[in-house]
PDB file of all heavy atoms in Angstrom:
ATOM      1  N   SER A   1     -21.121   6.393  62.726  1.00  0.00           N
ATOM      2  CA  SER A   1     -20.803   5.701  61.528  1.00  0.00           C
ATOM      3  C   SER A   1     -21.852   4.672  61.171  1.00  0.00           C
ATOM      4  O   SER A   1     -22.894   4.517  61.911  1.00  0.00           O
ATOM      5  CB  SER A   1     -19.513   4.896  61.818  1.00  0.00           C
ATOM      6  OG  SER A   1     -19.802   3.788  62.652  1.00  0.00           O
ATOM      7  N   GLY A   2     -21.751   4.121  59.984  1.00  0.00           N
ATOM      8  CA  GLY A   2     -22.654   3.187  59.472  1.00  0.00           C
ATOM      9  C   GLY A   2     -22.787   1.951  60.306  1.00  0.00           C
ATOM     10  O   GLY A   2     -23.985   1.453  60.499  1.00  0.00           O
ATOM     11  N   THR A   3     -21.808   1.423  60.783  1.00  0.00           N
ATOM     12  CA  THR A   3     -21.876   0.245  61.651  1.00  0.00           C
ATOM     13  C   THR A   3     -22.697   0.511  62.894  1.00  0.00           C
ATOM     14  O   THR A   3     -23.478  -0.341  63.392  1.00  0.00           O
ATOM     15  CB  THR A   3     -20.493  -0.235  62.026  1.00  0.00           C
ATOM     16  OG1 THR A   3     -19.681   0.730  62.601  1.00  0.00           O
ATOM     17  CG2 THR A   3     -19.761  -0.896  60.861  1.00  0.00           C
ATOM     18  N   VAL A   4     -22.492   1.793  63.501  1.00  0.00           N
ATOM     19  CA  VAL A   4     -23.217   2.067  64.679  1.00  0.00           C
ATOM     20  C   VAL A   4     -24.776   2.365  64.218  1.00  0.00           C
ATOM     21  O   VAL A   4     -25.635   1.857  65.086  1.00  0.00           O
ATOM     22  CB  VAL A   4     -22.677   3.477  65.290  1.00  0.00           C
ATOM     23  CG1 VAL A   4     -23.527   4.021  66.487  1.00  0.00           C
ATOM     24  CG2 VAL A   4     -21.261   3.191  65.618  1.00  0.00           C
ATOM     25  N   ILE A   5     -25.071   2.881  63.091  1.00  0.00           N
ATOM     26  CA  ILE A   5     -26.521   2.958  62.657  1.00  0.00           C
ATOM     27  C   ILE A   5     -26.992   1.507  62.495  1.00  0.00           C
ATOM     28  O   ILE A   5     -28.207   1.304  62.905  1.00  0.00           O
ATOM     29  CB  ILE A   5     -26.537   3.737  61.332  1.00  0.00           C
ATOM     30  CG1 ILE A   5     -26.021   5.225  61.570  1.00  0.00           C
ATOM     31  CG2 ILE A   5     -27.841   3.583  60.740  1.00  0.00           C
ATOM     32  CD1 ILE A   5     -25.827   5.904  60.276  1.00  0.00           C
ATOM     33  N   GLY A   6     -26.262   0.633  61.935  1.00  0.00           N
ATOM     34  CA  GLY A   6     -26.631  -0.790  61.844  1.00  0.00           C
ATOM     35  C   GLY A   6     -27.110  -1.338  63.111  1.00  0.00           C
ATOM     36  O   GLY A   6     -28.044  -2.069  63.272  1.00  0.00           O
ATOM     37  N   CYS A   7     -26.259  -1.186  64.251  1.00  0.00           N
ATOM     38  CA  CYS A   7     -26.562  -1.628  65.569  1.00  0.00           C
ATOM     39  C   CYS A   7     -27.857  -1.094  66.104  1.00  0.00           C
ATOM     40  O   CYS A   7     -28.766  -1.664  66.605  1.00  0.00           O
ATOM     41  CB  CYS A   7     -25.437  -1.347  66.563  1.00  0.00           C
ATOM     42  SG  CYS A   7     -25.599  -1.992  68.188  1.00  0.00           S
ATOM     43  N   THR A   8     -28.060   0.196  65.929  1.00  0.00           N
ATOM     44  CA  THR A   8     -29.304   0.943  66.366  1.00  0.00           C
ATOM     45  C   THR A   8     -30.500   0.345  65.572  1.00  0.00           C
ATOM     46  O   THR A   8     -31.506   0.067  66.248  1.00  0.00           O
ATOM     47  CB  THR A   8     -29.137   2.413  65.940  1.00  0.00           C
ATOM     48  OG1 THR A   8     -28.125   3.085  66.772  1.00  0.00           O
ATOM     49  CG2 THR A   8     -30.608   3.120  66.352  1.00  0.00           C
ATOM     50  N   MET A   9     -30.375   0.095  64.293  1.00  0.00           N
ATOM     51  CA  MET A   9     -31.557  -0.386  63.490  1.00  0.00           C
ATOM     52  C   MET A   9     -31.775  -1.855  64.045  1.00  0.00           C
ATOM     53  O   MET A   9     -32.939  -2.223  63.965  1.00  0.00           O
ATOM     54  CB  MET A   9     -31.184  -0.401  62.044  1.00  0.00           C
ATOM     55  CG  MET A   9     -31.205   0.989  61.428  1.00  0.00           C
ATOM     56  SD  MET A   9     -32.799   1.858  61.695  1.00  0.00           S
ATOM     57  CE  MET A   9     -33.772   0.771  60.637  1.00  0.00           C
ATOM     58  N   SER A  10     -30.750  -2.550  64.312  1.00  0.00           N
ATOM     59  CA  SER A  10     -30.955  -3.917  64.834  1.00  0.00           C
ATOM     60  C   SER A  10     -31.877  -4.034  66.080  1.00  0.00           C
ATOM     61  O   SER A  10     -32.952  -4.819  66.226  1.00  0.00           O
ATOM     62  CB  SER A  10     -29.717  -4.599  65.097  1.00  0.00           C
ATOM     63  OG  SER A  10     -28.861  -4.649  64.031  1.00  0.00           O
ATOM     64  N   HIS A  11     -31.521  -3.160  67.039  1.00  0.00           N
ATOM     65  CA  HIS A  11     -32.321  -3.208  68.246  1.00  0.00           C
ATOM     66  C   HIS A  11     -33.669  -2.537  68.040  1.00  0.00           C
ATOM     67  O   HIS A  11     -34.703  -2.958  68.501  1.00  0.00           O
ATOM     68  CB  HIS A  11     -31.657  -2.259  69.372  1.00  0.00           C
ATOM     69  CG  HIS A  11     -30.543  -2.949  69.925  1.00  0.00           C
ATOM     70  ND1 HIS A  11     -30.620  -3.790  71.004  1.00  0.00           N
ATOM     71  CD2 HIS A  11     -29.132  -3.027  69.535  1.00  0.00           C
ATOM     72  CE1 HIS A  11     -29.326  -4.354  71.384  1.00  0.00           C
ATOM     73  NE2 HIS A  11     -28.552  -3.862  70.527  1.00  0.00           N
ATOM     74  N   TRP A  12     -33.813  -1.449  67.152  1.00  0.00           N
ATOM     75  CA  TRP A  12     -35.177  -0.750  67.006  1.00  0.00           C
ATOM     76  C   TRP A  12     -36.006  -1.626  66.316  1.00  0.00           C
ATOM     77  O   TRP A  12     -37.207  -1.725  66.659  1.00  0.00           O
ATOM     78  CB  TRP A  12     -34.858   0.568  66.260  1.00  0.00           C
ATOM     79  CG  TRP A  12     -36.002   1.489  66.152  1.00  0.00           C
ATOM     80  CD1 TRP A  12     -36.335   2.416  67.117  1.00  0.00           C
ATOM     81  CD2 TRP A  12     -37.080   1.536  65.183  1.00  0.00           C
ATOM     82  NE1 TRP A  12     -37.482   3.072  66.754  1.00  0.00           N
ATOM     83  CE2 TRP A  12     -37.897   2.587  65.620  1.00  0.00           C
ATOM     84  CE3 TRP A  12     -37.231   0.881  64.024  1.00  0.00           C
ATOM     85  CZ2 TRP A  12     -39.017   2.863  64.754  1.00  0.00           C
ATOM     86  CZ3 TRP A  12     -38.373   1.238  63.118  1.00  0.00           C
ATOM     87  CH2 TRP A  12     -39.267   2.244  63.606  1.00  0.00           C
ATOM     88  N   THR A  13     -35.559  -2.276  65.154  1.00  0.00           N
ATOM     89  CA  THR A  13     -36.506  -3.214  64.611  1.00  0.00           C
ATOM     90  C   THR A  13     -37.037  -4.354  65.450  1.00  0.00           C
ATOM     91  O   THR A  13     -38.117  -4.946  65.286  1.00  0.00           O
ATOM     92  CB  THR A  13     -35.939  -3.736  63.193  1.00  0.00           C
ATOM     93  OG1 THR A  13     -34.572  -4.337  63.499  1.00  0.00           O
ATOM     94  CG2 THR A  13     -35.759  -2.566  62.215  1.00  0.00           C
ATOM     95  N   LEU A  14     -36.002  -4.922  66.202  1.00  0.00           N
ATOM     96  CA  LEU A  14     -36.523  -5.977  67.150  1.00  0.00           C
ATOM     97  C   LEU A  14     -37.560  -5.490  68.088  1.00  0.00           C
ATOM     98  O   LEU A  14     -38.525  -6.133  68.466  1.00  0.00           O
ATOM     99  CB  LEU A  14     -35.262  -6.464  68.028  1.00  0.00           C
ATOM    100  CG  LEU A  14     -35.637  -7.413  69.095  1.00  0.00           C
ATOM    101  CD1 LEU A  14     -36.260  -8.695  68.593  1.00  0.00           C
ATOM    102  CD2 LEU A  14     -34.281  -7.911  69.849  1.00  0.00           C
ATOM    103  N   TRP A  15     -37.435  -4.277  68.614  1.00  0.00           N
ATOM    104  CA  TRP A  15     -38.491  -3.755  69.552  1.00  0.00           C
ATOM    105  C   TRP A  15     -39.781  -3.639  68.836  1.00  0.00           C
ATOM    106  O   TRP A  15     -40.789  -3.966  69.361  1.00  0.00           O
ATOM    107  CB  TRP A  15     -38.116  -2.302  70.005  1.00  0.00           C
ATOM    108  CG  TRP A  15     -36.831  -2.179  70.773  1.00  0.00           C
ATOM    109  CD1 TRP A  15     -36.255  -3.202  71.537  1.00  0.00           C
ATOM    110  CD2 TRP A  15     -35.980  -1.089  70.856  1.00  0.00           C
ATOM    111  NE1 TRP A  15     -35.065  -2.771  72.074  1.00  0.00           N
ATOM    112  CE2 TRP A  15     -34.909  -1.473  71.664  1.00  0.00           C
ATOM    113  CE3 TRP A  15     -36.039   0.164  70.260  1.00  0.00           C
ATOM    114  CZ2 TRP A  15     -33.804  -0.624  72.002  1.00  0.00           C
ATOM    115  CZ3 TRP A  15     -34.927   1.109  70.659  1.00  0.00           C
ATOM    116  CH2 TRP A  15     -33.823   0.699  71.423  1.00  0.00           C
ATOM    117  N   LYS A  16     -39.746  -3.266  67.511  1.00  0.00           N
ATOM    118  CA  LYS A  16     -41.011  -3.162  66.753  1.00  0.00           C
ATOM    119  C   LYS A  16     -41.633  -4.444  66.622  1.00  0.00           C
ATOM    120  O   LYS A  16     -42.832  -4.620  66.731  1.00  0.00           O
ATOM    121  CB  LYS A  16     -40.610  -2.488  65.319  1.00  0.00           C
ATOM    122  CG  LYS A  16     -40.300  -0.973  65.393  1.00  0.00           C
ATOM    123  CD  LYS A  16     -41.504  -0.176  65.538  1.00  0.00           C
ATOM    124  CE  LYS A  16     -42.367  -0.114  64.305  1.00  0.00           C
ATOM    125  NZ  LYS A  16     -43.499   0.913  64.351  1.00  0.00           N
ATOM    126  N   ALA A  17     -40.811  -5.515  66.232  1.00  0.00           N
ATOM    127  CA  ALA A  17     -41.311  -6.907  66.026  1.00  0.00           C
ATOM    128  C   ALA A  17     -41.992  -7.331  67.378  1.00  0.00           C
ATOM    129  O   ALA A  17     -43.034  -7.932  67.354  1.00  0.00           O
ATOM    130  CB  ALA A  17     -40.325  -7.710  65.602  1.00  0.00           C
ATOM    131  N   LEU A  18     -41.197  -7.133  68.460  1.00  0.00           N
ATOM    132  CA  LEU A  18     -41.798  -7.631  69.750  1.00  0.00           C
ATOM    133  C   LEU A  18     -43.108  -6.890  70.176  1.00  0.00           C
ATOM    134  O   LEU A  18     -44.011  -7.525  70.845  1.00  0.00           O
ATOM    135  CB  LEU A  18     -40.741  -7.556  70.796  1.00  0.00           C
ATOM    136  CG  LEU A  18     -39.482  -8.390  70.763  1.00  0.00           C
ATOM    137  CD1 LEU A  18     -38.513  -8.062  71.838  1.00  0.00           C
ATOM    138  CD2 LEU A  18     -39.848  -9.921  70.852  1.00  0.00           C
ATOM    139  N   ASP A  19     -43.062  -5.630  69.858  1.00  0.00           N
ATOM    140  CA  ASP A  19     -44.306  -4.852  70.238  1.00  0.00           C
ATOM    141  C   ASP A  19     -45.495  -5.354  69.491  1.00  0.00           C
ATOM    142  O   ASP A  19     -46.593  -5.371  70.132  1.00  0.00           O
ATOM    143  CB  ASP A  19     -44.019  -3.343  69.876  1.00  0.00           C
ATOM    144  CG  ASP A  19     -45.079  -2.395  70.443  1.00  0.00           C
ATOM    145  OD1 ASP A  19     -45.511  -2.716  71.527  1.00  0.00           O
ATOM    146  OD2 ASP A  19     -45.408  -1.513  69.708  1.00  0.00           O
ATOM    147  N   TYR A  20     -45.382  -5.654  68.132  1.00  0.00           N
ATOM    148  CA  TYR A  20     -46.451  -6.067  67.384  1.00  0.00           C
ATOM    149  C   TYR A  20     -46.845  -7.640  67.676  1.00  0.00           C
ATOM    150  O   TYR A  20     -48.003  -7.940  67.700  1.00  0.00           O
ATOM    151  CB  TYR A  20     -46.169  -5.933  65.902  1.00  0.00           C
ATOM    152  CG  TYR A  20     -46.407  -4.564  65.463  1.00  0.00           C
ATOM    153  CD1 TYR A  20     -45.374  -3.652  65.127  1.00  0.00           C
ATOM    154  CD2 TYR A  20     -47.749  -4.042  65.255  1.00  0.00           C
ATOM    155  CE1 TYR A  20     -45.555  -2.423  64.635  1.00  0.00           C
ATOM    156  CE2 TYR A  20     -47.997  -2.777  64.780  1.00  0.00           C
ATOM    157  CZ  TYR A  20     -46.923  -1.954  64.619  1.00  0.00           C
ATOM    158  OH  TYR A  20     -47.079  -0.634  64.128  1.00  0.00           O
ATOM    159  N   LEU A  21     -45.728  -8.392  67.802  1.00  0.00           N
ATOM    160  CA  LEU A  21     -46.013  -9.934  67.730  1.00  0.00           C
ATOM    161  C   LEU A  21     -45.729 -10.549  69.099  1.00  0.00           C
ATOM    162  O   LEU A  21     -46.076 -11.717  69.307  1.00  0.00           O
ATOM    163  CB  LEU A  21     -45.204 -10.532  66.673  1.00  0.00           C
ATOM    164  CG  LEU A  21     -45.314  -9.964  65.255  1.00  0.00           C
ATOM    165  CD1 LEU A  21     -44.323 -10.601  64.302  1.00  0.00           C
ATOM    166  CD2 LEU A  21     -46.796 -10.237  64.777  1.00  0.00           C
ATOM    167  N   GLY A  22     -44.824  -9.914  69.907  1.00  0.00           N
ATOM    168  CA  GLY A  22     -44.556 -10.641  71.164  1.00  0.00           C
ATOM    169  C   GLY A  22     -45.715 -10.797  72.144  1.00  0.00           C
ATOM    170  O   GLY A  22     -46.647 -10.078  72.242  1.00  0.00           O
ATOM    171  N   GLN A  23     -45.690 -12.010  72.852  1.00  0.00           N
ATOM    172  CA  GLN A  23     -46.691 -12.390  73.766  1.00  0.00           C
ATOM    173  C   GLN A  23     -46.280 -12.496  75.212  1.00  0.00           C
ATOM    174  O   GLN A  23     -47.134 -12.789  76.031  1.00  0.00           O
ATOM    175  CB  GLN A  23     -47.231 -13.736  73.316  1.00  0.00           C
ATOM    176  CG  GLN A  23     -47.734 -13.849  71.907  1.00  0.00           C
ATOM    177  CD  GLN A  23     -48.914 -12.978  71.785  1.00  0.00           C
ATOM    178  OE1 GLN A  23     -49.872 -13.058  72.558  1.00  0.00           O
ATOM    179  NE2 GLN A  23     -49.081 -12.312  70.574  1.00  0.00           N
ATOM    180  N   GLU A  24     -45.034 -12.010  75.473  1.00  0.00           N
ATOM    181  CA  GLU A  24     -44.457 -12.227  76.846  1.00  0.00           C
ATOM    182  C   GLU A  24     -44.631 -10.951  77.529  1.00  0.00           C
ATOM    183  O   GLU A  24     -44.643  -9.809  76.956  1.00  0.00           O
ATOM    184  CB  GLU A  24     -43.076 -12.612  76.773  1.00  0.00           C
ATOM    185  CG  GLU A  24     -42.723 -13.799  75.902  1.00  0.00           C
ATOM    186  CD  GLU A  24     -43.413 -15.125  76.524  1.00  0.00           C
ATOM    187  OE1 GLU A  24     -43.568 -15.174  77.819  1.00  0.00           O
ATOM    188  OE2 GLU A  24     -43.729 -15.996  75.724  1.00  0.00           O
ATOM    189  N   ASP A  25     -44.583 -10.980  78.890  1.00  0.00           N
ATOM    190  CA  ASP A  25     -44.500  -9.812  79.710  1.00  0.00           C
ATOM    191  C   ASP A  25     -43.254  -9.019  79.679  1.00  0.00           C
ATOM    192  O   ASP A  25     -43.139  -7.871  79.698  1.00  0.00           O
ATOM    193  CB  ASP A  25     -44.831 -10.117  81.150  1.00  0.00           C
ATOM    194  CG  ASP A  25     -44.742  -8.969  82.079  1.00  0.00           C
ATOM    195  OD1 ASP A  25     -45.457  -7.832  81.725  1.00  0.00           O
ATOM    196  OD2 ASP A  25     -44.125  -8.984  83.157  1.00  0.00           O
TER     197      ASP A  25
END
């Protein structure tokens, strides 16, 4: 469903942001 897709996108975009900008181990 759309809400499940929304949850997937929430995690995926966070991973992308952390991969590019994150400074932690």
